């Protein structure tokens, strides 16, 4: 996985956002009695990242430097999501097979 730099001013901000995402995933999983797949969660997370990208591009001024900066932020969000998903695999919430399926590997 590509190493992403921390874009937060401090680790507490990062952990607060990460905790909110992980809490929401856990709460949803519990509401389905644990019957949630890695693919389902990834589908939702990818759609959110795409929505963030679209919003950034739709509201970006014509200045290409600003657009590039916003696209970089989306890339950094993907990096954070990737790390979160790796942690879910490490904790046994998702299997390596589900991770490979999501990546398109057979």
PDB file of N, CA and C in Angstrom:
ATOM      1  N   UNK A   1       0.834  -1.173   0.000  1.00  0.00           N
ATOM      2  CA  UNK A   1       0.000   0.000   0.000  1.00  0.00           C
ATOM      3  C   UNK A   1       0.886   1.247   0.000  1.00  0.00           C
ATOM      4  N   UNK A   2       0.471   2.280  -0.677  1.00  0.00           N
ATOM      5  CA  UNK A   2       1.202   3.533  -0.746  1.00  0.00           C
ATOM      6  C   UNK A   2       1.080   4.258   0.587  1.00  0.00           C
ATOM      7  N   UNK A   3       2.208   4.743   1.096  1.00  0.00           N
ATOM      8  CA  UNK A   3       2.183   5.482   2.342  1.00  0.00           C
ATOM      9  C   UNK A   3       1.634   6.885   2.091  1.00  0.00           C
ATOM     10  N   UNK A   4       0.642   7.275   2.870  1.00  0.00           N
ATOM     11  CA  UNK A   4       0.062   8.614   2.748  1.00  0.00           C
ATOM     12  C   UNK A   4       0.538   9.455   3.923  1.00  0.00           C
ATOM     13  N   UNK A   5       0.761  10.711   3.669  1.00  0.00           N
ATOM     14  CA  UNK A   5       1.177  11.560   4.781  1.00  0.00           C
ATOM     15  C   UNK A   5      -0.057  12.018   5.540  1.00  0.00           C
ATOM     16  N   UNK A   6       0.128  12.269   6.804  1.00  0.00           N
ATOM     17  CA  UNK A   6      -0.972  12.715   7.651  1.00  0.00           C
ATOM     18  C   UNK A   6      -1.283  14.174   7.319  1.00  0.00           C
ATOM     19  N   UNK A   7      -2.514  14.440   6.902  1.00  0.00           N
ATOM     20  CA  UNK A   7      -2.898  15.794   6.513  1.00  0.00           C
ATOM     21  C   UNK A   7      -3.529  16.560   7.668  1.00  0.00           C
ATOM     22  N   UNK A   8      -3.624  15.915   8.820  1.00  0.00           N
ATOM     23  CA  UNK A   8      -4.212  16.559   9.983  1.00  0.00           C
ATOM     24  C   UNK A   8      -3.137  17.311  10.755  1.00  0.00           C
ATOM     25  N   UNK A   9      -3.564  18.359  11.465  1.00  0.00           N
ATOM     26  CA  UNK A   9      -2.627  19.134  12.259  1.00  0.00           C
ATOM     27  C   UNK A   9      -2.054  18.321  13.415  1.00  0.00           C
ATOM     28  N   UNK A  10      -2.857  17.400  13.926  1.00  0.00           N
ATOM     29  CA  UNK A  10      -2.361  16.554  15.012  1.00  0.00           C
ATOM     30  C   UNK A  10      -3.025  15.188  14.942  1.00  0.00           C
ATOM     31  N   UNK A  11      -2.424  14.256  15.642  1.00  0.00           N
ATOM     32  CA  UNK A  11      -2.919  12.880  15.607  1.00  0.00           C
ATOM     33  C   UNK A  11      -4.307  12.750  16.223  1.00  0.00           C
ATOM     34  N   UNK A  12      -4.633  13.611  17.176  1.00  0.00           N
ATOM     35  CA  UNK A  12      -5.947  13.548  17.821  1.00  0.00           C
ATOM     36  C   UNK A  12      -7.070  13.781  16.812  1.00  0.00           C
ATOM     37  N   UNK A  13      -6.884  14.730  15.893  1.00  0.00           N
ATOM     38  CA  UNK A  13      -7.901  14.991  14.867  1.00  0.00           C
ATOM     39  C   UNK A  13      -8.077  13.771  13.968  1.00  0.00           C
ATOM     40  N   UNK A  14      -6.959  13.185  13.565  1.00  0.00           N
ATOM     41  CA  UNK A  14      -7.019  11.986  12.728  1.00  0.00           C
ATOM     42  C   UNK A  14      -7.759  10.867  13.453  1.00  0.00           C
ATOM     43  N   UNK A  15      -7.394  10.622  14.698  1.00  0.00           N
ATOM     44  CA  UNK A  15      -8.008   9.542  15.458  1.00  0.00           C
ATOM     45  C   UNK A  15      -9.502   9.799  15.694  1.00  0.00           C
ATOM     46  N   UNK A  16      -9.891  11.051  15.851  1.00  0.00           N
ATOM     47  CA  UNK A  16     -11.302  11.381  16.046  1.00  0.00           C
ATOM     48  C   UNK A  16     -12.120  11.030  14.797  1.00  0.00           C
ATOM     49  N   UNK A  17     -11.612  11.398  13.616  1.00  0.00           N
ATOM     50  CA  UNK A  17     -12.314  11.076  12.367  1.00  0.00           C
ATOM     51  C   UNK A  17     -12.276   9.580  12.105  1.00  0.00           C
ATOM     52  N   UNK A  18     -11.131   8.965  12.293  1.00  0.00           N
ATOM     53  CA  UNK A  18     -11.002   7.526  12.106  1.00  0.00           C
ATOM     54  C   UNK A  18     -11.947   6.780  13.042  1.00  0.00           C
ATOM     55  N   UNK A  19     -12.008   7.228  14.290  1.00  0.00           N
ATOM     56  CA  UNK A  19     -12.895   6.604  15.269  1.00  0.00           C
ATOM     57  C   UNK A  19     -14.356   6.729  14.870  1.00  0.00           C
ATOM     58  N   UNK A  20     -14.726   7.872  14.318  1.00  0.00           N
ATOM     59  CA  UNK A  20     -16.109   8.064  13.887  1.00  0.00           C
ATOM     60  C   UNK A  20     -16.473   7.110  12.756  1.00  0.00           C
ATOM     61  N   UNK A  21     -15.559   6.935  11.803  1.00  0.00           N
ATOM     62  CA  UNK A  21     -15.803   6.019  10.685  1.00  0.00           C
ATOM     63  C   UNK A  21     -15.890   4.586  11.192  1.00  0.00           C
ATOM     64  N   UNK A  22     -14.932   4.186  12.017  1.00  0.00           N
ATOM     65  CA  UNK A  22     -14.923   2.821  12.544  1.00  0.00           C
ATOM     66  C   UNK A  22     -16.149   2.560  13.407  1.00  0.00           C
ATOM     67  N   UNK A  23     -16.570   3.539  14.184  1.00  0.00           N
ATOM     68  CA  UNK A  23     -17.752   3.394  15.029  1.00  0.00           C
ATOM     69  C   UNK A  23     -19.005   3.201  14.182  1.00  0.00           C
ATOM     70  N   UNK A  24     -19.112   3.987  13.116  1.00  0.00           N
ATOM     71  CA  UNK A  24     -20.275   3.859  12.232  1.00  0.00           C
ATOM     72  C   UNK A  24     -20.307   2.482  11.569  1.00  0.00           C
ATOM     73  N   UNK A  25     -19.151   1.985  11.160  1.00  0.00           N
ATOM     74  CA  UNK A  25     -19.082   0.653  10.547  1.00  0.00           C
ATOM     75  C   UNK A  25     -19.471  -0.411  11.566  1.00  0.00           C
ATOM     76  N   UNK A  26     -18.956  -0.294  12.776  1.00  0.00           N
ATOM     77  CA  UNK A  26     -19.274  -1.268  13.830  1.00  0.00           C
ATOM     78  C   UNK A  26     -20.759  -1.244  14.170  1.00  0.00           C
ATOM     79  N   UNK A  27     -21.318  -0.040  14.289  1.00  0.00           N
ATOM     80  CA  UNK A  27     -22.742   0.098  14.609  1.00  0.00           C
ATOM     81  C   UNK A  27     -23.604  -0.531  13.523  1.00  0.00           C
ATOM     82  N   UNK A  28     -23.242  -0.287  12.266  1.00  0.00           N
ATOM     83  CA  UNK A  28     -23.998  -0.870  11.161  1.00  0.00           C
ATOM     84  C   UNK A  28     -23.882  -2.391  11.184  1.00  0.00           C
ATOM     85  N   UNK A  29     -22.680  -2.880  11.420  1.00  0.00           N
ATOM     86  CA  UNK A  29     -22.462  -4.324  11.473  1.00  0.00           C
ATOM     87  C   UNK A  29     -23.297  -4.959  12.589  1.00  0.00           C
ATOM     88  N   UNK A  30     -23.317  -4.311  13.748  1.00  0.00           N
ATOM     89  CA  UNK A  30     -24.114  -4.824  14.867  1.00  0.00           C
ATOM     90  C   UNK A  30     -25.599  -4.817  14.538  1.00  0.00           C
ATOM     91  N   UNK A  31     -26.065  -3.801  13.807  1.00  0.00           N
ATOM     92  CA  UNK A  31     -27.490  -3.733  13.460  1.00  0.00           C
ATOM     93  C   UNK A  31     -27.892  -4.870  12.525  1.00  0.00           C
ATOM     94  N   UNK A  32     -26.903  -5.445  11.842  1.00  0.00           N
ATOM     95  CA  UNK A  32     -27.166  -6.586  10.953  1.00  0.00           C
ATOM     96  C   UNK A  32     -26.662  -7.881  11.571  1.00  0.00           C
ATOM     97  N   UNK A  33     -26.503  -7.872  12.870  1.00  0.00           N
ATOM     98  CA  UNK A  33     -26.006  -9.045  13.596  1.00  0.00           C
ATOM     99  C   UNK A  33     -24.701  -9.574  13.005  1.00  0.00           C
ATOM    100  N   UNK A  34     -23.829  -8.661  12.622  1.00  0.00           N
ATOM    101  CA  UNK A  34     -22.529  -9.033  12.079  1.00  0.00           C
ATOM    102  C   UNK A  34     -22.558  -9.483  10.635  1.00  0.00           C
ATOM    103  N   UNK A  35     -23.715  -9.439  10.029  1.00  0.00           N
ATOM    104  CA  UNK A  35     -23.863  -9.923   8.653  1.00  0.00           C
ATOM    105  C   UNK A  35     -23.595  -8.789   7.664  1.00  0.00           C
ATOM    106  N   UNK A  36     -22.344  -8.367   7.605  1.00  0.00           N
ATOM    107  CA  UNK A  36     -21.929  -7.340   6.658  1.00  0.00           C
ATOM    108  C   UNK A  36     -20.598  -7.788   6.069  1.00  0.00           C
ATOM    109  N   UNK A  37     -20.462  -7.605   4.770  1.00  0.00           N
ATOM    110  CA  UNK A  37     -19.237  -8.075   4.125  1.00  0.00           C
ATOM    111  C   UNK A  37     -18.281  -6.912   3.877  1.00  0.00           C
ATOM    112  N   UNK A  38     -17.053  -7.285   3.688  1.00  0.00           N
ATOM    113  CA  UNK A  38     -16.016  -6.326   3.336  1.00  0.00           C
ATOM    114  C   UNK A  38     -16.406  -5.597   2.050  1.00  0.00           C
ATOM    115  N   UNK A  39     -16.922  -6.343   1.080  1.00  0.00           N
ATOM    116  CA  UNK A  39     -17.322  -5.751  -0.197  1.00  0.00           C
ATOM    117  C   UNK A  39     -18.410  -4.709  -0.039  1.00  0.00           C
ATOM    118  N   UNK A  40     -19.368  -4.987   0.838  1.00  0.00           N
ATOM    119  CA  UNK A  40     -20.445  -4.012   1.067  1.00  0.00           C
ATOM    120  C   UNK A  40     -19.891  -2.721   1.660  1.00  0.00           C
ATOM    121  N   UNK A  41     -19.022  -2.870   2.637  1.00  0.00           N
ATOM    122  CA  UNK A  41     -18.441  -1.675   3.258  1.00  0.00           C
ATOM    123  C   UNK A  41     -17.581  -0.922   2.258  1.00  0.00           C
ATOM    124  N   UNK A  42     -16.779  -1.635   1.479  1.00  0.00           N
ATOM    125  CA  UNK A  42     -15.935  -0.977   0.486  1.00  0.00           C
ATOM    126  C   UNK A  42     -16.770  -0.264  -0.570  1.00  0.00           C
ATOM    127  N   UNK A  43     -17.884  -0.869  -0.976  1.00  0.00           N
ATOM    128  CA  UNK A  43     -18.752  -0.230  -1.955  1.00  0.00           C
ATOM    129  C   UNK A  43     -19.235   1.123  -1.433  1.00  0.00           C
ATOM    130  N   UNK A  44     -19.656   1.145  -0.180  1.00  0.00           N
ATOM    131  CA  UNK A  44     -20.142   2.394   0.418  1.00  0.00           C
ATOM    132  C   UNK A  44     -19.002   3.403   0.542  1.00  0.00           C
ATOM    133  N   UNK A  45     -17.841   2.956   1.029  1.00  0.00           N
ATOM    134  CA  UNK A  45     -16.715   3.875   1.194  1.00  0.00           C
ATOM    135  C   UNK A  45     -16.243   4.441  -0.146  1.00  0.00           C
ATOM    136  N   UNK A  46     -16.179   3.581  -1.167  1.00  0.00           N
ATOM    137  CA  UNK A  46     -15.782   4.054  -2.499  1.00  0.00           C
ATOM    138  C   UNK A  46     -16.792   5.058  -3.052  1.00  0.00           C
ATOM    139  N   UNK A  47     -18.079   4.821  -2.811  1.00  0.00           N
ATOM    140  CA  UNK A  47     -19.081   5.765  -3.316  1.00  0.00           C
ATOM    141  C   UNK A  47     -18.958   7.109  -2.605  1.00  0.00           C
ATOM    142  N   UNK A  48     -18.605   7.076  -1.318  1.00  0.00           N
ATOM    143  CA  UNK A  48     -18.387   8.328  -0.591  1.00  0.00           C
ATOM    144  C   UNK A  48     -17.186   9.084  -1.143  1.00  0.00           C
ATOM    145  N   UNK A  49     -16.103   8.364  -1.400  1.00  0.00           N
ATOM    146  CA  UNK A  49     -14.905   9.000  -1.960  1.00  0.00           C
ATOM    147  C   UNK A  49     -15.229   9.608  -3.326  1.00  0.00           C
ATOM    148  N   UNK A  50     -15.979   8.877  -4.150  1.00  0.00           N
ATOM    149  CA  UNK A  50     -16.376   9.413  -5.457  1.00  0.00           C
ATOM    150  C   UNK A  50     -17.235  10.660  -5.311  1.00  0.00           C
ATOM    151  N   UNK A  51     -18.133  10.642  -4.327  1.00  0.00           N
ATOM    152  CA  UNK A  51     -18.977  11.818  -4.100  1.00  0.00           C
ATOM    153  C   UNK A  51     -18.138  13.011  -3.656  1.00  0.00           C
ATOM    154  N   UNK A  52     -17.164  12.777  -2.762  1.00  0.00           N
ATOM    155  CA  UNK A  52     -16.266  13.857  -2.344  1.00  0.00           C
ATOM    156  C   UNK A  52     -15.516  14.417  -3.539  1.00  0.00           C
ATOM    157  N   UNK A  53     -15.028  13.531  -4.404  1.00  0.00           N
ATOM    158  CA  UNK A  53     -14.275  13.973  -5.580  1.00  0.00           C
ATOM    159  C   UNK A  53     -15.164  14.832  -6.478  1.00  0.00           C
ATOM    160  N   UNK A  54     -16.378  14.381  -6.724  1.00  0.00           N
ATOM    161  CA  UNK A  54     -17.297  15.121  -7.586  1.00  0.00           C
ATOM    162  C   UNK A  54     -17.586  16.492  -7.003  1.00  0.00           C
ATOM    163  N   UNK A  55     -17.836  16.557  -5.715  1.00  0.00           N
ATOM    164  CA  UNK A  55     -18.107  17.851  -5.074  1.00  0.00           C
ATOM    165  C   UNK A  55     -16.919  18.797  -5.214  1.00  0.00           C
ATOM    166  N   UNK A  56     -15.706  18.246  -5.004  1.00  0.00           N
ATOM    167  CA  UNK A  56     -14.517  19.086  -5.127  1.00  0.00           C
ATOM    168  C   UNK A  56     -14.363  19.605  -6.549  1.00  0.00           C
ATOM    169  N   UNK A  57     -14.570  18.724  -7.525  1.00  0.00           N
ATOM    170  CA  UNK A  57     -14.401  19.123  -8.916  1.00  0.00           C
ATOM    171  C   UNK A  57     -15.490  20.085  -9.358  1.00  0.00           C
ATOM    172  N   UNK A  58     -16.720  19.877  -8.892  1.00  0.00           N
ATOM    173  CA  UNK A  58     -17.830  20.747  -9.278  1.00  0.00           C
ATOM    174  C   UNK A  58     -17.703  22.157  -8.698  1.00  0.00           C
ATOM    175  N   UNK A  59     -17.076  22.262  -7.526  1.00  0.00           N
ATOM    176  CA  UNK A  59     -16.977  23.553  -6.858  1.00  0.00           C
ATOM    177  C   UNK A  59     -15.607  24.201  -6.994  1.00  0.00           C
ATOM    178  N   UNK A  60     -14.739  23.564  -7.744  1.00  0.00           N
ATOM    179  CA  UNK A  60     -13.383  24.099  -7.888  1.00  0.00           C
ATOM    180  C   UNK A  60     -13.367  25.274  -8.854  1.00  0.00           C
ATOM    181  N   UNK A  61     -12.618  26.312  -8.520  1.00  0.00           N
ATOM    182  CA  UNK A  61     -12.440  27.411  -9.465  1.00  0.00           C
ATOM    183  C   UNK A  61     -11.685  26.911 -10.697  1.00  0.00           C
ATOM    184  N   UNK A  62     -11.617  27.733 -11.700  1.00  0.00           N
ATOM    185  CA  UNK A  62     -10.964  27.326 -12.932  1.00  0.00           C
ATOM    186  C   UNK A  62      -9.448  27.186 -12.779  1.00  0.00           C
ATOM    187  N   UNK A  63      -8.899  27.702 -11.737  1.00  0.00           N
ATOM    188  CA  UNK A  63      -7.464  27.614 -11.505  1.00  0.00           C
ATOM    189  C   UNK A  63      -7.060  26.154 -11.321  1.00  0.00           C
ATOM    190  N   UNK A  64      -6.236  25.634 -12.229  1.00  0.00           N
ATOM    191  CA  UNK A  64      -5.875  24.218 -12.205  1.00  0.00           C
ATOM    192  C   UNK A  64      -5.088  23.826 -10.959  1.00  0.00           C
ATOM    193  N   UNK A  65      -4.321  24.736 -10.373  1.00  0.00           N
ATOM    194  CA  UNK A  65      -3.566  24.407  -9.167  1.00  0.00           C
ATOM    195  C   UNK A  65      -4.495  24.061  -8.013  1.00  0.00           C
ATOM    196  N   UNK A  66      -5.597  24.805  -7.888  1.00  0.00           N
ATOM    197  CA  UNK A  66      -6.551  24.537  -6.813  1.00  0.00           C
ATOM    198  C   UNK A  66      -7.212  23.186  -7.043  1.00  0.00           C
ATOM    199  N   UNK A  67      -7.577  22.874  -8.277  1.00  0.00           N
ATOM    200  CA  UNK A  67      -8.201  21.594  -8.594  1.00  0.00           C
ATOM    201  C   UNK A  67      -7.239  20.455  -8.272  1.00  0.00           C
ATOM    202  N   UNK A  68      -5.986  20.598  -8.623  1.00  0.00           N
ATOM    203  CA  UNK A  68      -4.994  19.572  -8.342  1.00  0.00           C
ATOM    204  C   UNK A  68      -4.844  19.363  -6.838  1.00  0.00           C
ATOM    205  N   UNK A  69      -4.861  20.439  -6.086  1.00  0.00           N
ATOM    206  CA  UNK A  69      -4.753  20.346  -4.626  1.00  0.00           C
ATOM    207  C   UNK A  69      -5.945  19.575  -4.050  1.00  0.00           C
ATOM    208  N   UNK A  70      -7.135  19.848  -4.537  1.00  0.00           N
ATOM    209  CA  UNK A  70      -8.326  19.152  -4.040  1.00  0.00           C
ATOM    210  C   UNK A  70      -8.317  17.684  -4.441  1.00  0.00           C
ATOM    211  N   UNK A  71      -7.825  17.380  -5.626  1.00  0.00           N
ATOM    212  CA  UNK A  71      -7.743  15.985  -6.048  1.00  0.00           C
ATOM    213  C   UNK A  71      -6.731  15.238  -5.180  1.00  0.00           C
ATOM    214  N   UNK A  72      -5.667  15.907  -4.764  1.00  0.00           N
ATOM    215  CA  UNK A  72      -4.680  15.298  -3.886  1.00  0.00           C
ATOM    216  C   UNK A  72      -5.325  14.950  -2.549  1.00  0.00           C
ATOM    217  N   UNK A  73      -6.183  15.813  -2.055  1.00  0.00           N
ATOM    218  CA  UNK A  73      -6.878  15.537  -0.796  1.00  0.00           C
ATOM    219  C   UNK A  73      -7.728  14.278  -0.929  1.00  0.00           C
ATOM    220  N   UNK A  74      -8.409  14.105  -2.047  1.00  0.00           N
ATOM    221  CA  UNK A  74      -9.219  12.910  -2.264  1.00  0.00           C
ATOM    222  C   UNK A  74      -8.316  11.683  -2.241  1.00  0.00           C
ATOM    223  N   UNK A  75      -7.151  11.794  -2.857  1.00  0.00           N
ATOM    224  CA  UNK A  75      -6.199  10.692  -2.843  1.00  0.00           C
ATOM    225  C   UNK A  75      -5.777  10.360  -1.419  1.00  0.00           C
ATOM    226  N   UNK A  76      -5.600  11.364  -0.601  1.00  0.00           N
ATOM    227  CA  UNK A  76      -5.213  11.138   0.788  1.00  0.00           C
ATOM    228  C   UNK A  76      -6.347  10.479   1.573  1.00  0.00           C
ATOM    229  N   UNK A  77      -7.583  10.836   1.260  1.00  0.00           N
ATOM    230  CA  UNK A  77      -8.728  10.187   1.898  1.00  0.00           C
ATOM    231  C   UNK A  77      -8.726   8.704   1.542  1.00  0.00           C
ATOM    232  N   UNK A  78      -8.441   8.399   0.286  1.00  0.00           N
ATOM    233  CA  UNK A  78      -8.364   6.987  -0.124  1.00  0.00           C
ATOM    234  C   UNK A  78      -7.287   6.254   0.664  1.00  0.00           C
ATOM    235  N   UNK A  79      -6.175   6.910   0.897  1.00  0.00           N
ATOM    236  CA  UNK A  79      -5.107   6.293   1.684  1.00  0.00           C
ATOM    237  C   UNK A  79      -5.558   5.971   3.100  1.00  0.00           C
ATOM    238  N   UNK A  80      -6.272   6.903   3.715  1.00  0.00           N
ATOM    239  CA  UNK A  80      -6.789   6.678   5.066  1.00  0.00           C
ATOM    240  C   UNK A  80      -7.789   5.526   5.062  1.00  0.00           C
ATOM    241  N   UNK A  81      -8.668   5.490   4.061  1.00  0.00           N
ATOM    242  CA  UNK A  81      -9.637   4.398   3.971  1.00  0.00           C
ATOM    243  C   UNK A  81      -8.930   3.059   3.785  1.00  0.00           C
ATOM    244  N   UNK A  82      -7.887   3.058   2.976  1.00  0.00           N
ATOM    245  CA  UNK A  82      -7.121   1.832   2.776  1.00  0.00           C
ATOM    246  C   UNK A  82      -6.507   1.327   4.070  1.00  0.00           C
ATOM    247  N   UNK A  83      -5.972   2.248   4.865  1.00  0.00           N
ATOM    248  CA  UNK A  83      -5.393   1.858   6.150  1.00  0.00           C
ATOM    249  C   UNK A  83      -6.468   1.321   7.084  1.00  0.00           C
ATOM    250  N   UNK A  84      -7.631   1.961   7.088  1.00  0.00           N
ATOM    251  CA  UNK A  84      -8.721   1.496   7.945  1.00  0.00           C
ATOM    252  C   UNK A  84      -9.154   0.093   7.553  1.00  0.00           C
ATOM    253  N   UNK A  85      -9.235  -0.158   6.259  1.00  0.00           N
ATOM    254  CA  UNK A  85      -9.642  -1.482   5.809  1.00  0.00           C
ATOM    255  C   UNK A  85      -8.589  -2.532   6.115  1.00  0.00           C
ATOM    256  N   UNK A  86      -7.330  -2.163   6.032  1.00  0.00           N
ATOM    257  CA  UNK A  86      -6.266  -3.089   6.410  1.00  0.00           C
ATOM    258  C   UNK A  86      -6.382  -3.458   7.881  1.00  0.00           C
ATOM    259  N   UNK A  87      -6.727  -2.489   8.699  1.00  0.00           N
ATOM    260  CA  UNK A  87      -6.911  -2.738  10.119  1.00  0.00           C
ATOM    261  C   UNK A  87      -8.089  -3.696  10.347  1.00  0.00           C
ATOM    262  N   UNK A  88      -9.161  -3.545   9.575  1.00  0.00           N
ATOM    263  CA  UNK A  88     -10.299  -4.453   9.696  1.00  0.00           C
ATOM    264  C   UNK A  88      -9.898  -5.882   9.352  1.00  0.00           C
ATOM    265  N   UNK A  89      -9.011  -6.038   8.370  1.00  0.00           N
ATOM    266  CA  UNK A  89      -8.520  -7.366   8.028  1.00  0.00           C
ATOM    267  C   UNK A  89      -7.656  -7.901   9.164  1.00  0.00           C
ATOM    268  N   UNK A  90      -6.775  -7.049   9.706  1.00  0.00           N
ATOM    269  CA  UNK A  90      -5.913  -7.465  10.810  1.00  0.00           C
ATOM    270  C   UNK A  90      -6.723  -7.914  12.013  1.00  0.00           C
ATOM    271  N   UNK A  91      -7.824  -7.241  12.286  1.00  0.00           N
ATOM    272  CA  UNK A  91      -8.662  -7.573  13.445  1.00  0.00           C
ATOM    273  C   UNK A  91      -9.585  -8.754  13.170  1.00  0.00           C
ATOM    274  N   UNK A  92      -9.565  -9.264  11.950  1.00  0.00           N
ATOM    275  CA  UNK A  92     -10.367 -10.429  11.623  1.00  0.00           C
ATOM    276  C   UNK A  92     -11.807 -10.120  11.267  1.00  0.00           C
ATOM    277  N   UNK A  93     -12.139  -8.855  11.104  1.00  0.00           N
ATOM    278  CA  UNK A  93     -13.501  -8.493  10.732  1.00  0.00           C
ATOM    279  C   UNK A  93     -13.756  -8.850   9.271  1.00  0.00           C
ATOM    280  N   UNK A  94     -12.731  -8.695   8.447  1.00  0.00           N
ATOM    281  CA  UNK A  94     -12.789  -9.084   7.050  1.00  0.00           C
ATOM    282  C   UNK A  94     -11.678 -10.081   6.776  1.00  0.00           C
ATOM    283  N   UNK A  95     -11.899 -10.951   5.823  1.00  0.00           N
ATOM    284  CA  UNK A  95     -10.885 -11.950   5.482  1.00  0.00           C
ATOM    285  C   UNK A  95     -10.004 -11.448   4.345  1.00  0.00           C
ATOM    286  N   UNK A  96      -8.872 -12.098   4.203  1.00  0.00           N
ATOM    287  CA  UNK A  96      -7.963 -11.782   3.092  1.00  0.00           C
ATOM    288  C   UNK A  96      -8.647 -12.059   1.750  1.00  0.00           C
ATOM    289  N   UNK A  97      -9.482 -13.111   1.706  1.00  0.00           N
ATOM    290  CA  UNK A  97     -10.210 -13.426   0.468  1.00  0.00           C
ATOM    291  C   UNK A  97     -11.138 -12.275   0.070  1.00  0.00           C
ATOM    292  N   UNK A  98     -11.831 -11.698   1.050  1.00  0.00           N
ATOM    293  CA  UNK A  98     -12.716 -10.566   0.751  1.00  0.00           C
ATOM    294  C   UNK A  98     -11.902  -9.370   0.269  1.00  0.00           C
ATOM    295  N   UNK A  99     -10.740  -9.174   0.833  1.00  0.00           N
ATOM    296  CA  UNK A  99      -9.857  -8.087   0.394  1.00  0.00           C
ATOM    297  C   UNK A  99      -9.435  -8.305  -1.059  1.00  0.00           C
ATOM    298  N   UNK A 100      -9.058  -9.537  -1.403  1.00  0.00           N
ATOM    299  CA  UNK A 100      -8.660  -9.826  -2.775  1.00  0.00           C
ATOM    300  C   UNK A 100      -9.838  -9.668  -3.739  1.00  0.00           C
ATOM    301  N   UNK A 101     -11.033 -10.100  -3.311  1.00  0.00           N
ATOM    302  CA  UNK A 101     -12.218  -9.970  -4.164  1.00  0.00           C
ATOM    303  C   UNK A 101     -12.486  -8.506  -4.471  1.00  0.00           C
ATOM    304  N   UNK A 102     -12.336  -7.679  -3.467  1.00  0.00           N
ATOM    305  CA  UNK A 102     -12.562  -6.258  -3.665  1.00  0.00           C
ATOM    306  C   UNK A 102     -11.560  -5.669  -4.648  1.00  0.00           C
ATOM    307  N   UNK A 103     -10.329  -6.132  -4.555  1.00  0.00           N
ATOM    308  CA  UNK A 103      -9.268  -5.632  -5.435  1.00  0.00           C
ATOM    309  C   UNK A 103      -9.378  -6.212  -6.851  1.00  0.00           C
ATOM    310  N   UNK A 104     -10.277  -7.179  -7.036  1.00  0.00           N
ATOM    311  CA  UNK A 104     -10.472  -7.746  -8.361  1.00  0.00           C
ATOM    312  C   UNK A 104      -9.592  -8.945  -8.639  1.00  0.00           C
ATOM    313  N   UNK A 105      -8.802  -9.373  -7.644  1.00  0.00           N
ATOM    314  CA  UNK A 105      -7.945 -10.551  -7.816  1.00  0.00           C
ATOM    315  C   UNK A 105      -8.789 -11.809  -7.647  1.00  0.00           C
ATOM    316  N   UNK A 106      -8.357 -12.886  -8.281  1.00  0.00           N
ATOM    317  CA  UNK A 106      -9.104 -14.138  -8.170  1.00  0.00           C
ATOM    318  C   UNK A 106      -8.393 -15.092  -7.247  1.00  0.00           C
TER     319      UNK A 106
END
